[in-house]
């Protein structure tokens, strides 16, 4: 949440409309992610667009309206700390990637996950 708050403050100060967040442990982020999330967000009244794959939402890969940062302090005062919880609080839409042969939002969090990802690169 601290990273999101800092990023949103920076984006707002720069006059940006949106902030795209991406995790550093997801090497297969799909091409066109920003465009698809932007189209989804602009076609809705939501504040955040999040991708989903295999029935799971990926809140670390989000497109956030820059002005939503003003609502983080209130969310944190509730005792909650999750990105998805904040997205639920402010209103989000899903852009679904379905279930392609390789999960485009695959995270490498374990040695086993790293081995699996390396075989996909080979």
PDB file of N, CA and C in Angstrom:
ATOM      1  N   UNK A   1       0.819  -1.187   0.000  1.00  0.00           N
ATOM      2  CA  UNK A   1       0.000   0.000   0.000  1.00  0.00           C
ATOM      3  C   UNK A   1       0.865   1.254   0.000  1.00  0.00           C
ATOM      4  N   UNK A   2       2.015   1.191   0.677  1.00  0.00           N
ATOM      5  CA  UNK A   2       2.898   2.363   0.698  1.00  0.00           C
ATOM      6  C   UNK A   2       3.414   2.669  -0.702  1.00  0.00           C
ATOM      7  N   UNK A   3       3.767   1.634  -1.436  1.00  0.00           N
ATOM      8  CA  UNK A   3       4.243   1.843  -2.811  1.00  0.00           C
ATOM      9  C   UNK A   3       3.141   2.424  -3.689  1.00  0.00           C
ATOM     10  N   UNK A   4       1.938   1.907  -3.536  1.00  0.00           N
ATOM     11  CA  UNK A   4       0.823   2.430  -4.319  1.00  0.00           C
ATOM     12  C   UNK A   4       0.558   3.896  -3.956  1.00  0.00           C
ATOM     13  N   UNK A   5       0.573   4.204  -2.668  1.00  0.00           N
ATOM     14  CA  UNK A   5       0.334   5.583  -2.236  1.00  0.00           C
ATOM     15  C   UNK A   5       1.394   6.520  -2.815  1.00  0.00           C
ATOM     16  N   UNK A   6       2.652   6.111  -2.760  1.00  0.00           N
ATOM     17  CA  UNK A   6       3.731   6.946  -3.301  1.00  0.00           C
ATOM     18  C   UNK A   6       3.587   7.103  -4.812  1.00  0.00           C
ATOM     19  N   UNK A   7       3.287   6.018  -5.504  1.00  0.00           N
ATOM     20  CA  UNK A   7       3.117   6.082  -6.956  1.00  0.00           C
ATOM     21  C   UNK A   7       1.954   6.959  -7.368  1.00  0.00           C
ATOM     22  N   UNK A   8       0.856   6.837  -6.661  1.00  0.00           N
ATOM     23  CA  UNK A   8      -0.317   7.659  -6.988  1.00  0.00           C
ATOM     24  C   UNK A   8      -0.067   9.130  -6.708  1.00  0.00           C
ATOM     25  N   UNK A   9       0.641   9.431  -5.619  1.00  0.00           N
ATOM     26  CA  UNK A   9       0.978  10.834  -5.325  1.00  0.00           C
ATOM     27  C   UNK A   9       1.872  11.399  -6.416  1.00  0.00           C
ATOM     28  N   UNK A  10       2.844  10.618  -6.851  1.00  0.00           N
ATOM     29  CA  UNK A  10       3.745  11.045  -7.930  1.00  0.00           C
ATOM     30  C   UNK A  10       2.961  11.275  -9.225  1.00  0.00           C
ATOM     31  N   UNK A  11       2.098  10.327  -9.563  1.00  0.00           N
ATOM     32  CA  UNK A  11       1.314  10.444 -10.800  1.00  0.00           C
ATOM     33  C   UNK A  11       0.431  11.690 -10.760  1.00  0.00           C
ATOM     34  N   UNK A  12      -0.221  11.924  -9.635  1.00  0.00           N
ATOM     35  CA  UNK A  12      -1.083  13.093  -9.514  1.00  0.00           C
ATOM     36  C   UNK A  12      -0.270  14.381  -9.633  1.00  0.00           C
ATOM     37  N   UNK A  13       0.904  14.418  -8.970  1.00  0.00           N
ATOM     38  CA  UNK A  13       1.768  15.603  -9.049  1.00  0.00           C
ATOM     39  C   UNK A  13       2.247  15.871 -10.474  1.00  0.00           C
ATOM     40  N   UNK A  14       2.427  14.812 -11.250  1.00  0.00           N
ATOM     41  CA  UNK A  14       2.869  14.951 -12.646  1.00  0.00           C
ATOM     42  C   UNK A  14       1.723  15.303 -13.589  1.00  0.00           C
ATOM     43  N   UNK A  15       0.514  15.269 -13.081  1.00  0.00           N
ATOM     44  CA  UNK A  15      -0.639  15.545 -13.934  1.00  0.00           C
ATOM     45  C   UNK A  15      -1.113  14.341 -14.721  1.00  0.00           C
ATOM     46  N   UNK A  16      -0.640  13.150 -14.358  1.00  0.00           N
ATOM     47  CA  UNK A  16      -1.060  11.929 -15.049  1.00  0.00           C
ATOM     48  C   UNK A  16      -2.475  11.558 -14.635  1.00  0.00           C
ATOM     49  N   UNK A  17      -3.193  10.950 -15.528  1.00  0.00           N
ATOM     50  CA  UNK A  17      -4.547  10.473 -15.215  1.00  0.00           C
ATOM     51  C   UNK A  17      -4.538   9.111 -14.547  1.00  0.00           C
ATOM     52  N   UNK A  18      -3.527   8.294 -14.891  1.00  0.00           N
ATOM     53  CA  UNK A  18      -3.484   6.910 -14.425  1.00  0.00           C
ATOM     54  C   UNK A  18      -2.092   6.543 -13.927  1.00  0.00           C
ATOM     55  N   UNK A  19      -2.042   5.471 -13.123  1.00  0.00           N
ATOM     56  CA  UNK A  19      -0.792   4.843 -12.723  1.00  0.00           C
ATOM     57  C   UNK A  19      -0.930   3.350 -12.992  1.00  0.00           C
ATOM     58  N   UNK A  20       0.015   2.788 -13.736  1.00  0.00           N
ATOM     59  CA  UNK A  20       0.051   1.347 -13.981  1.00  0.00           C
ATOM     60  C   UNK A  20       1.036   0.729 -13.009  1.00  0.00           C
ATOM     61  N   UNK A  21       0.583  -0.262 -12.244  1.00  0.00           N
ATOM     62  CA  UNK A  21       1.463  -0.960 -11.310  1.00  0.00           C
ATOM     63  C   UNK A  21       1.727  -2.370 -11.819  1.00  0.00           C
ATOM     64  N   UNK A  22       2.979  -2.812 -11.666  1.00  0.00           N
ATOM     65  CA  UNK A  22       3.396  -4.143 -12.103  1.00  0.00           C
ATOM     66  C   UNK A  22       4.346  -4.737 -11.070  1.00  0.00           C
ATOM     67  N   UNK A  23       4.249  -6.039 -10.804  1.00  0.00           N
ATOM     68  CA  UNK A  23       5.182  -6.676  -9.880  1.00  0.00           C
ATOM     69  C   UNK A  23       6.486  -7.034 -10.595  1.00  0.00           C
ATOM     70  N   UNK A  24       7.552  -7.105  -9.830  1.00  0.00           N
ATOM     71  CA  UNK A  24       8.856  -7.429 -10.427  1.00  0.00           C
ATOM     72  C   UNK A  24       9.061  -8.932 -10.584  1.00  0.00           C
ATOM     73  N   UNK A  25       8.171  -9.746 -10.034  1.00  0.00           N
ATOM     74  CA  UNK A  25       8.358 -11.200 -10.082  1.00  0.00           C
ATOM     75  C   UNK A  25       7.391 -11.893 -11.051  1.00  0.00           C
ATOM     76  N   UNK A  26       6.934 -11.154 -12.053  1.00  0.00           N
ATOM     77  CA  UNK A  26       6.004 -11.706 -13.045  1.00  0.00           C
ATOM     78  C   UNK A  26       6.587 -11.465 -14.440  1.00  0.00           C
ATOM     79  N   UNK A  27       7.400 -12.395 -14.937  1.00  0.00           N
ATOM     80  CA  UNK A  27       8.119 -12.158 -16.191  1.00  0.00           C
ATOM     81  C   UNK A  27       7.300 -12.311 -17.470  1.00  0.00           C
ATOM     82  N   UNK A  28       6.066 -12.766 -17.364  1.00  0.00           N
ATOM     83  CA  UNK A  28       5.293 -13.036 -18.567  1.00  0.00           C
ATOM     84  C   UNK A  28       4.141 -12.047 -18.777  1.00  0.00           C
ATOM     85  N   UNK A  29       4.250 -10.846 -18.208  1.00  0.00           N
ATOM     86  CA  UNK A  29       3.207  -9.832 -18.362  1.00  0.00           C
ATOM     87  C   UNK A  29       2.880  -9.698 -19.856  1.00  0.00           C
ATOM     88  N   UNK A  30       1.606  -9.759 -20.205  1.00  0.00           N
ATOM     89  CA  UNK A  30       1.251  -9.770 -21.636  1.00  0.00           C
ATOM     90  C   UNK A  30       1.442  -8.412 -22.316  1.00  0.00           C
ATOM     91  N   UNK A  31       1.794  -8.486 -23.586  1.00  0.00           N
ATOM     92  CA  UNK A  31       1.829  -7.275 -24.403  1.00  0.00           C
ATOM     93  C   UNK A  31       0.411  -6.714 -24.456  1.00  0.00           C
ATOM     94  N   UNK A  32       0.304  -5.426 -24.458  1.00  0.00           N
ATOM     95  CA  UNK A  32      -1.008  -4.805 -24.555  1.00  0.00           C
ATOM     96  C   UNK A  32      -1.741  -4.688 -23.233  1.00  0.00           C
ATOM     97  N   UNK A  33      -1.091  -5.044 -22.134  1.00  0.00           N
ATOM     98  CA  UNK A  33      -1.752  -4.965 -20.824  1.00  0.00           C
ATOM     99  C   UNK A  33      -2.253  -3.551 -20.551  1.00  0.00           C
ATOM    100  N   UNK A  34      -1.389  -2.560 -20.687  1.00  0.00           N
ATOM    101  CA  UNK A  34      -1.777  -1.177 -20.384  1.00  0.00           C
ATOM    102  C   UNK A  34      -2.941  -0.732 -21.263  1.00  0.00           C
ATOM    103  N   UNK A  35      -2.897  -1.086 -22.538  1.00  0.00           N
ATOM    104  CA  UNK A  35      -3.962  -0.672 -23.446  1.00  0.00           C
ATOM    105  C   UNK A  35      -5.298  -1.317 -23.074  1.00  0.00           C
ATOM    106  N   UNK A  36      -5.270  -2.613 -22.783  1.00  0.00           N
ATOM    107  CA  UNK A  36      -6.521  -3.298 -22.438  1.00  0.00           C
ATOM    108  C   UNK A  36      -7.098  -2.772 -21.129  1.00  0.00           C
ATOM    109  N   UNK A  37      -6.232  -2.543 -20.143  1.00  0.00           N
ATOM    110  CA  UNK A  37      -6.725  -2.017 -18.871  1.00  0.00           C
ATOM    111  C   UNK A  37      -7.264  -0.599 -19.038  1.00  0.00           C
ATOM    112  N   UNK A  38      -6.591   0.210 -19.866  1.00  0.00           N
ATOM    113  CA  UNK A  38      -7.054   1.577 -20.109  1.00  0.00           C
ATOM    114  C   UNK A  38      -8.420   1.560 -20.779  1.00  0.00           C
ATOM    115  N   UNK A  39      -8.586   0.734 -21.791  1.00  0.00           N
ATOM    116  CA  UNK A  39      -9.882   0.652 -22.479  1.00  0.00           C
ATOM    117  C   UNK A  39     -10.980   0.205 -21.522  1.00  0.00           C
ATOM    118  N   UNK A  40     -10.663  -0.764 -20.693  1.00  0.00           N
ATOM    119  CA  UNK A  40     -11.651  -1.292 -19.743  1.00  0.00           C
ATOM    120  C   UNK A  40     -12.037  -0.229 -18.720  1.00  0.00           C
ATOM    121  N   UNK A  41     -11.022   0.482 -18.216  1.00  0.00           N
ATOM    122  CA  UNK A  41     -11.278   1.503 -17.205  1.00  0.00           C
ATOM    123  C   UNK A  41     -12.064   2.674 -17.776  1.00  0.00           C
ATOM    124  N   UNK A  42     -11.682   3.115 -18.963  1.00  0.00           N
ATOM    125  CA  UNK A  42     -12.369   4.260 -19.570  1.00  0.00           C
ATOM    126  C   UNK A  42     -13.805   3.930 -19.975  1.00  0.00           C
ATOM    127  N   UNK A  43     -14.096   2.660 -20.219  1.00  0.00           N
ATOM    128  CA  UNK A  43     -15.449   2.251 -20.597  1.00  0.00           C
ATOM    129  C   UNK A  43     -16.346   2.051 -19.373  1.00  0.00           C
ATOM    130  N   UNK A  44     -15.787   2.267 -18.185  1.00  0.00           N
ATOM    131  CA  UNK A  44     -16.540   2.046 -16.957  1.00  0.00           C
ATOM    132  C   UNK A  44     -16.515   3.296 -16.086  1.00  0.00           C
ATOM    133  N   UNK A  45     -17.208   3.219 -14.990  1.00  0.00           N
ATOM    134  CA  UNK A  45     -17.160   4.285 -13.991  1.00  0.00           C
ATOM    135  C   UNK A  45     -16.233   3.886 -12.846  1.00  0.00           C
ATOM    136  N   UNK A  46     -15.497   2.811 -13.015  1.00  0.00           N
ATOM    137  CA  UNK A  46     -14.622   2.290 -11.963  1.00  0.00           C
ATOM    138  C   UNK A  46     -13.402   3.186 -11.779  1.00  0.00           C
ATOM    139  N   UNK A  47     -12.724   2.949 -10.692  1.00  0.00           N
ATOM    140  CA  UNK A  47     -11.521   3.692 -10.344  1.00  0.00           C
ATOM    141  C   UNK A  47     -10.266   2.903 -10.673  1.00  0.00           C
ATOM    142  N   UNK A  48     -10.404   1.584 -10.740  1.00  0.00           N
ATOM    143  CA  UNK A  48      -9.269   0.685 -10.947  1.00  0.00           C
ATOM    144  C   UNK A  48      -9.667  -0.394 -11.949  1.00  0.00           C
ATOM    145  N   UNK A  49      -8.726  -0.770 -12.817  1.00  0.00           N
ATOM    146  CA  UNK A  49      -8.913  -1.928 -13.691  1.00  0.00           C
ATOM    147  C   UNK A  49      -7.839  -2.948 -13.322  1.00  0.00           C
ATOM    148  N   UNK A  50      -8.272  -4.169 -13.046  1.00  0.00           N
ATOM    149  CA  UNK A  50      -7.360  -5.247 -12.656  1.00  0.00           C
ATOM    150  C   UNK A  50      -7.505  -6.412 -13.625  1.00  0.00           C
ATOM    151  N   UNK A  51      -6.394  -7.046 -13.970  1.00  0.00           N
ATOM    152  CA  UNK A  51      -6.494  -8.226 -14.817  1.00  0.00           C
ATOM    153  C   UNK A  51      -6.827  -9.469 -13.990  1.00  0.00           C
ATOM    154  N   UNK A  52      -7.349 -10.450 -14.677  1.00  0.00           N
ATOM    155  CA  UNK A  52      -7.618 -11.752 -14.063  1.00  0.00           C
ATOM    156  C   UNK A  52      -7.209 -12.827 -15.049  1.00  0.00           C
ATOM    157  N   UNK A  53      -6.812 -13.964 -14.518  1.00  0.00           N
ATOM    158  CA  UNK A  53      -6.538 -15.155 -15.324  1.00  0.00           C
ATOM    159  C   UNK A  53      -6.807 -16.368 -14.449  1.00  0.00           C
ATOM    160  N   UNK A  54      -7.235 -17.430 -15.088  1.00  0.00           N
ATOM    161  CA  UNK A  54      -7.527 -18.667 -14.370  1.00  0.00           C
ATOM    162  C   UNK A  54      -8.445 -18.439 -13.169  1.00  0.00           C
ATOM    163  N   UNK A  55      -9.356 -17.471 -13.280  1.00  0.00           N
ATOM    164  CA  UNK A  55     -10.294 -17.190 -12.213  1.00  0.00           C
ATOM    165  C   UNK A  55      -9.734 -16.412 -11.034  1.00  0.00           C
ATOM    166  N   UNK A  56      -8.497 -15.912 -11.163  1.00  0.00           N
ATOM    167  CA  UNK A  56      -7.861 -15.159 -10.073  1.00  0.00           C
ATOM    168  C   UNK A  56      -7.618 -13.719 -10.500  1.00  0.00           C
ATOM    169  N   UNK A  57      -7.891 -12.792  -9.601  1.00  0.00           N
ATOM    170  CA  UNK A  57      -7.603 -11.377  -9.826  1.00  0.00           C
ATOM    171  C   UNK A  57      -6.157 -11.118  -9.438  1.00  0.00           C
ATOM    172  N   UNK A  58      -5.495 -10.234 -10.198  1.00  0.00           N
ATOM    173  CA  UNK A  58      -4.083  -9.914  -9.958  1.00  0.00           C
ATOM    174  C   UNK A  58      -3.950  -8.430  -9.613  1.00  0.00           C
ATOM    175  N   UNK A  59      -4.166  -8.070  -8.340  1.00  0.00           N
ATOM    176  CA  UNK A  59      -4.210  -6.652  -7.969  1.00  0.00           C
ATOM    177  C   UNK A  59      -2.870  -5.928  -8.045  1.00  0.00           C
ATOM    178  N   UNK A  60      -1.761  -6.648  -8.116  1.00  0.00           N
ATOM    179  CA  UNK A  60      -0.467  -5.959  -8.255  1.00  0.00           C
ATOM    180  C   UNK A  60      -0.251  -5.459  -9.681  1.00  0.00           C
ATOM    181  N   UNK A  61      -1.061  -5.920 -10.623  1.00  0.00           N
ATOM    182  CA  UNK A  61      -0.993  -5.476 -12.027  1.00  0.00           C
ATOM    183  C   UNK A  61      -2.206  -4.602 -12.315  1.00  0.00           C
ATOM    184  N   UNK A  62      -2.261  -3.448 -11.727  1.00  0.00           N
ATOM    185  CA  UNK A  62      -3.460  -2.636 -11.869  1.00  0.00           C
ATOM    186  C   UNK A  62      -3.247  -1.319 -12.574  1.00  0.00           C
ATOM    187  N   UNK A  63      -4.320  -0.818 -13.130  1.00  0.00           N
ATOM    188  CA  UNK A  63      -4.340   0.541 -13.662  1.00  0.00           C
ATOM    189  C   UNK A  63      -5.264   1.332 -12.752  1.00  0.00           C
ATOM    190  N   UNK A  64      -4.684   2.323 -12.082  1.00  0.00           N
ATOM    191  CA  UNK A  64      -5.363   3.091 -11.042  1.00  0.00           C
ATOM    192  C   UNK A  64      -5.547   4.527 -11.510  1.00  0.00           C
ATOM    193  N   UNK A  65      -6.724   5.085 -11.312  1.00  0.00           N
ATOM    194  CA  UNK A  65      -6.912   6.517 -11.566  1.00  0.00           C
ATOM    195  C   UNK A  65      -6.060   7.270 -10.544  1.00  0.00           C
ATOM    196  N   UNK A  66      -5.302   8.248 -10.994  1.00  0.00           N
ATOM    197  CA  UNK A  66      -4.323   8.921 -10.137  1.00  0.00           C
ATOM    198  C   UNK A  66      -4.954   9.589  -8.922  1.00  0.00           C
ATOM    199  N   UNK A  67      -6.176  10.049  -9.040  1.00  0.00           N
ATOM    200  CA  UNK A  67      -6.788  10.758  -7.917  1.00  0.00           C
ATOM    201  C   UNK A  67      -7.295   9.845  -6.801  1.00  0.00           C
ATOM    202  N   UNK A  68      -7.220   8.531  -6.995  1.00  0.00           N
ATOM    203  CA  UNK A  68      -7.706   7.602  -5.970  1.00  0.00           C
ATOM    204  C   UNK A  68      -6.775   7.554  -4.754  1.00  0.00           C
ATOM    205  N   UNK A  69      -5.562   8.058  -4.899  1.00  0.00           N
ATOM    206  CA  UNK A  69      -4.628   8.065  -3.776  1.00  0.00           C
ATOM    207  C   UNK A  69      -5.145   8.849  -2.587  1.00  0.00           C
ATOM    208  N   UNK A  70      -6.022   9.800  -2.832  1.00  0.00           N
ATOM    209  CA  UNK A  70      -6.598  10.602  -1.754  1.00  0.00           C
ATOM    210  C   UNK A  70      -7.449   9.761  -0.808  1.00  0.00           C
ATOM    211  N   UNK A  71      -7.767   8.546  -1.210  1.00  0.00           N
ATOM    212  CA  UNK A  71      -8.651   7.690  -0.404  1.00  0.00           C
ATOM    213  C   UNK A  71      -7.905   6.603   0.354  1.00  0.00           C
ATOM    214  N   UNK A  72      -6.590   6.555   0.217  1.00  0.00           N
ATOM    215  CA  UNK A  72      -5.815   5.495   0.867  1.00  0.00           C
ATOM    216  C   UNK A  72      -5.810   5.642   2.386  1.00  0.00           C
ATOM    217  N   UNK A  73      -5.622   6.849   2.902  1.00  0.00           N
ATOM    218  CA  UNK A  73      -5.563   7.036   4.363  1.00  0.00           C
ATOM    219  C   UNK A  73      -6.836   6.532   5.034  1.00  0.00           C
ATOM    220  N   UNK A  74      -7.978   6.825   4.430  1.00  0.00           N
ATOM    221  CA  UNK A  74      -9.247   6.358   4.986  1.00  0.00           C
ATOM    222  C   UNK A  74      -9.300   4.834   4.987  1.00  0.00           C
ATOM    223  N   UNK A  75      -8.853   4.221   3.904  1.00  0.00           N
ATOM    224  CA  UNK A  75      -8.840   2.756   3.818  1.00  0.00           C
ATOM    225  C   UNK A  75      -7.929   2.162   4.890  1.00  0.00           C
ATOM    226  N   UNK A  76      -6.732   2.717   5.043  1.00  0.00           N
ATOM    227  CA  UNK A  76      -5.793   2.202   6.031  1.00  0.00           C
ATOM    228  C   UNK A  76      -6.331   2.361   7.456  1.00  0.00           C
ATOM    229  N   UNK A  77      -7.104   3.404   7.701  1.00  0.00           N
ATOM    230  CA  UNK A  77      -7.664   3.603   9.046  1.00  0.00           C
ATOM    231  C   UNK A  77      -8.665   2.507   9.411  1.00  0.00           C
ATOM    232  N   UNK A  78      -9.135   1.763   8.413  1.00  0.00           N
ATOM    233  CA  UNK A  78     -10.044   0.647   8.676  1.00  0.00           C
ATOM    234  C   UNK A  78      -9.298  -0.581   9.182  1.00  0.00           C
ATOM    235  N   UNK A  79      -7.964  -0.533   9.128  1.00  0.00           N
ATOM    236  CA  UNK A  79      -7.163  -1.682   9.550  1.00  0.00           C
ATOM    237  C   UNK A  79      -6.816  -2.636   8.431  1.00  0.00           C
ATOM    238  N   UNK A  80      -7.384  -2.430   7.258  1.00  0.00           N
ATOM    239  CA  UNK A  80      -7.091  -3.293   6.111  1.00  0.00           C
ATOM    240  C   UNK A  80      -5.846  -2.794   5.399  1.00  0.00           C
ATOM    241  N   UNK A  81      -5.170  -3.695   4.660  1.00  0.00           N
ATOM    242  CA  UNK A  81      -3.909  -3.344   4.023  1.00  0.00           C
ATOM    243  C   UNK A  81      -3.732  -3.918   2.619  1.00  0.00           C
ATOM    244  N   UNK A  82      -4.699  -4.645   2.097  1.00  0.00           N
ATOM    245  CA  UNK A  82      -4.482  -5.333   0.819  1.00  0.00           C
ATOM    246  C   UNK A  82      -4.832  -4.458  -0.382  1.00  0.00           C
ATOM    247  N   UNK A  83      -4.105  -4.672  -1.464  1.00  0.00           N
ATOM    248  CA  UNK A  83      -4.395  -3.966  -2.715  1.00  0.00           C
ATOM    249  C   UNK A  83      -5.790  -4.309  -3.211  1.00  0.00           C
ATOM    250  N   UNK A  84      -6.133  -5.589  -3.165  1.00  0.00           N
ATOM    251  CA  UNK A  84      -7.455  -5.978  -3.658  1.00  0.00           C
ATOM    252  C   UNK A  84      -8.554  -5.398  -2.770  1.00  0.00           C
ATOM    253  N   UNK A  85      -8.318  -5.349  -1.480  1.00  0.00           N
ATOM    254  CA  UNK A  85      -9.301  -4.740  -0.582  1.00  0.00           C
ATOM    255  C   UNK A  85      -9.507  -3.268  -0.887  1.00  0.00           C
ATOM    256  N   UNK A  86      -8.411  -2.567  -1.182  1.00  0.00           N
ATOM    257  CA  UNK A  86      -8.531  -1.159  -1.539  1.00  0.00           C
ATOM    258  C   UNK A  86      -9.272  -1.006  -2.867  1.00  0.00           C
ATOM    259  N   UNK A  87      -8.939  -1.853  -3.838  1.00  0.00           N
ATOM    260  CA  UNK A  87      -9.633  -1.804  -5.127  1.00  0.00           C
ATOM    261  C   UNK A  87     -11.126  -2.052  -4.940  1.00  0.00           C
ATOM    262  N   UNK A  88     -11.479  -2.993  -4.059  1.00  0.00           N
ATOM    263  CA  UNK A  88     -12.893  -3.245  -3.780  1.00  0.00           C
ATOM    264  C   UNK A  88     -13.544  -2.006  -3.170  1.00  0.00           C
ATOM    265  N   UNK A  89     -12.837  -1.362  -2.274  1.00  0.00           N
ATOM    266  CA  UNK A  89     -13.388  -0.181  -1.589  1.00  0.00           C
ATOM    267  C   UNK A  89     -13.680   0.949  -2.569  1.00  0.00           C
ATOM    268  N   UNK A  90     -12.754   1.183  -3.524  1.00  0.00           N
ATOM    269  CA  UNK A  90     -12.903   2.330  -4.427  1.00  0.00           C
ATOM    270  C   UNK A  90     -13.638   1.985  -5.723  1.00  0.00           C
ATOM    271  N   UNK A  91     -13.816   0.710  -5.995  1.00  0.00           N
ATOM    272  CA  UNK A  91     -14.548   0.279  -7.186  1.00  0.00           C
ATOM    273  C   UNK A  91     -13.627  -0.125  -8.321  1.00  0.00           C
ATOM    274  N   UNK A  92     -13.690  -1.386  -8.722  1.00  0.00           N
ATOM    275  CA  UNK A  92     -12.828  -1.862  -9.796  1.00  0.00           C
ATOM    276  C   UNK A  92     -13.596  -2.690 -10.822  1.00  0.00           C
ATOM    277  N   UNK A  93     -12.964  -2.806 -11.986  1.00  0.00           N
ATOM    278  CA  UNK A  93     -13.461  -3.670 -13.047  1.00  0.00           C
ATOM    279  C   UNK A  93     -12.365  -4.676 -13.371  1.00  0.00           C
ATOM    280  N   UNK A  94     -12.786  -5.785 -13.943  1.00  0.00           N
ATOM    281  CA  UNK A  94     -11.865  -6.866 -14.302  1.00  0.00           C
ATOM    282  C   UNK A  94     -11.689  -6.911 -15.806  1.00  0.00           C
ATOM    283  N   UNK A  95     -10.460  -7.098 -16.239  1.00  0.00           N
ATOM    284  CA  UNK A  95     -10.155  -7.431 -17.640  1.00  0.00           C
ATOM    285  C   UNK A  95      -9.637  -8.864 -17.605  1.00  0.00           C
ATOM    286  N   UNK A  96     -10.405  -9.784 -18.151  1.00  0.00           N
ATOM    287  CA  UNK A  96     -10.110 -11.211 -18.019  1.00  0.00           C
ATOM    288  C   UNK A  96      -9.280 -11.742 -19.184  1.00  0.00           C
ATOM    289  N   UNK A  97      -8.171 -12.385 -18.868  1.00  0.00           N
ATOM    290  CA  UNK A  97      -7.320 -13.023 -19.866  1.00  0.00           C
ATOM    291  C   UNK A  97      -7.682 -14.488 -20.047  1.00  0.00           C
ATOM    292  N   UNK A  98      -8.661 -14.975 -19.313  1.00  0.00           N
ATOM    293  CA  UNK A  98      -9.073 -16.365 -19.453  1.00  0.00           C
ATOM    294  C   UNK A  98      -8.040 -17.322 -18.876  1.00  0.00           C
ATOM    295  N   UNK A  99      -7.814 -18.418 -19.610  1.00  0.00           N
ATOM    296  CA  UNK A  99      -6.881 -19.455 -19.159  1.00  0.00           C
ATOM    297  C   UNK A  99      -5.996 -19.890 -20.320  1.00  0.00           C
ATOM    298  N   UNK A 100      -5.074 -19.025 -20.752  1.00  0.00           N
ATOM    299  CA  UNK A 100      -4.180 -19.401 -21.853  1.00  0.00           C
ATOM    300  C   UNK A 100      -3.213 -20.508 -21.413  1.00  0.00           C
ATOM    301  N   UNK A 101      -2.507 -21.134 -22.353  1.00  0.00           N
ATOM    302  CA  UNK A 101      -1.605 -22.232 -21.995  1.00  0.00           C
ATOM    303  C   UNK A 101      -0.592 -21.858 -20.903  1.00  0.00           C
ATOM    304  N   UNK A 102      -0.121 -20.624 -20.914  1.00  0.00           N
ATOM    305  CA  UNK A 102       0.805 -20.167 -19.873  1.00  0.00           C
ATOM    306  C   UNK A 102       0.190 -18.926 -19.233  1.00  0.00           C
ATOM    307  N   UNK A 103       0.111 -18.932 -17.895  1.00  0.00           N
ATOM    308  CA  UNK A 103      -0.498 -17.813 -17.181  1.00  0.00           C
ATOM    309  C   UNK A 103       0.336 -16.552 -17.382  1.00  0.00           C
ATOM    310  N   UNK A 104      -0.225 -15.505 -17.989  1.00  0.00           N
ATOM    311  CA  UNK A 104       0.540 -14.286 -18.230  1.00  0.00           C
ATOM    312  C   UNK A 104       0.878 -13.523 -16.953  1.00  0.00           C
ATOM    313  N   UNK A 105       0.269 -13.895 -15.834  1.00  0.00           N
ATOM    314  CA  UNK A 105       0.513 -13.209 -14.560  1.00  0.00           C
ATOM    315  C   UNK A 105       1.185 -14.130 -13.547  1.00  0.00           C
ATOM    316  N   UNK A 106       1.868 -15.140 -14.071  1.00  0.00           N
ATOM    317  CA  UNK A 106       2.579 -16.113 -13.244  1.00  0.00           C
ATOM    318  C   UNK A 106       3.629 -15.412 -12.386  1.00  0.00           C
ATOM    319  N   UNK A 107       3.594 -15.691 -11.076  1.00  0.00           N
ATOM    320  CA  UNK A 107       4.575 -15.123 -10.149  1.00  0.00           C
ATOM    321  C   UNK A 107       5.661 -16.131  -9.828  1.00  0.00           C
ATOM    322  N   UNK A 108       6.876 -15.646  -9.732  1.00  0.00           N
ATOM    323  CA  UNK A 108       7.998 -16.487  -9.311  1.00  0.00           C
ATOM    324  C   UNK A 108       8.303 -16.156  -7.858  1.00  0.00           C
ATOM    325  N   UNK A 109       7.784 -17.001  -6.965  1.00  0.00           N
ATOM    326  CA  UNK A 109       7.957 -16.782  -5.536  1.00  0.00           C
ATOM    327  C   UNK A 109       8.721 -17.899  -4.835  1.00  0.00           C
ATOM    328  N   UNK A 110       9.006 -18.966  -5.542  1.00  0.00           N
ATOM    329  CA  UNK A 110       9.696 -20.101  -4.940  1.00  0.00           C
ATOM    330  C   UNK A 110      10.753 -20.614  -5.912  1.00  0.00           C
ATOM    331  N   UNK A 111      11.718 -21.390  -5.418  1.00  0.00           N
ATOM    332  CA  UNK A 111      12.686 -21.999  -6.340  1.00  0.00           C
ATOM    333  C   UNK A 111      12.007 -22.882  -7.393  1.00  0.00           C
ATOM    334  N   UNK A 112      10.942 -23.563  -7.010  1.00  0.00           N
ATOM    335  CA  UNK A 112      10.224 -24.419  -7.958  1.00  0.00           C
ATOM    336  C   UNK A 112       9.546 -23.591  -9.051  1.00  0.00           C
ATOM    337  N   UNK A 113       9.008 -22.469  -8.678  1.00  0.00           N
ATOM    338  CA  UNK A 113       8.376 -21.590  -9.665  1.00  0.00           C
ATOM    339  C   UNK A 113       9.419 -21.032 -10.632  1.00  0.00           C
ATOM    340  N   UNK A 114      10.602 -20.760 -10.134  1.00  0.00           N
ATOM    341  CA  UNK A 114      11.683 -20.287 -10.999  1.00  0.00           C
ATOM    342  C   UNK A 114      12.075 -21.351 -12.017  1.00  0.00           C
ATOM    343  N   UNK A 115      12.174 -22.583 -11.581  1.00  0.00           N
ATOM    344  CA  UNK A 115      12.505 -23.689 -12.498  1.00  0.00           C
ATOM    345  C   UNK A 115      11.430 -23.815 -13.578  1.00  0.00           C
ATOM    346  N   UNK A 116      10.166 -23.751 -13.176  1.00  0.00           N
ATOM    347  CA  UNK A 116       9.068 -23.835 -14.150  1.00  0.00           C
ATOM    348  C   UNK A 116       9.160 -22.696 -15.155  1.00  0.00           C
ATOM    349  N   UNK A 117       9.405 -21.491 -14.706  1.00  0.00           N
ATOM    350  CA  UNK A 117       9.498 -20.340 -15.603  1.00  0.00           C
ATOM    351  C   UNK A 117      10.682 -20.483 -16.535  1.00  0.00           C
ATOM    352  N   UNK A 118      11.795 -20.974 -16.054  1.00  0.00           N
ATOM    353  CA  UNK A 118      12.967 -21.162 -16.901  1.00  0.00           C
ATOM    354  C   UNK A 118      12.691 -22.162 -18.016  1.00  0.00           C
ATOM    355  N   UNK A 119      11.900 -23.192 -17.750  1.00  0.00           N
ATOM    356  CA  UNK A 119      11.578 -24.153 -18.813  1.00  0.00           C
ATOM    357  C   UNK A 119      10.697 -23.503 -19.875  1.00  0.00           C
ATOM    358  N   UNK A 120       9.861 -22.566 -19.482  1.00  0.00           N
ATOM    359  CA  UNK A 120       9.020 -21.876 -20.450  1.00  0.00           C
ATOM    360  C   UNK A 120       9.852 -20.971 -21.356  1.00  0.00           C
ATOM    361  N   UNK A 121      10.925 -20.420 -20.808  1.00  0.00           N
ATOM    362  CA  UNK A 121      11.810 -19.571 -21.619  1.00  0.00           C
ATOM    363  C   UNK A 121      12.655 -20.386 -22.591  1.00  0.00           C
ATOM    364  N   UNK A 122      12.909 -21.647 -22.241  1.00  0.00           N
ATOM    365  CA  UNK A 122      13.816 -22.493 -23.045  1.00  0.00           C
ATOM    366  C   UNK A 122      13.230 -22.848 -24.395  1.00  0.00           C
TER     367      UNK A 122
END
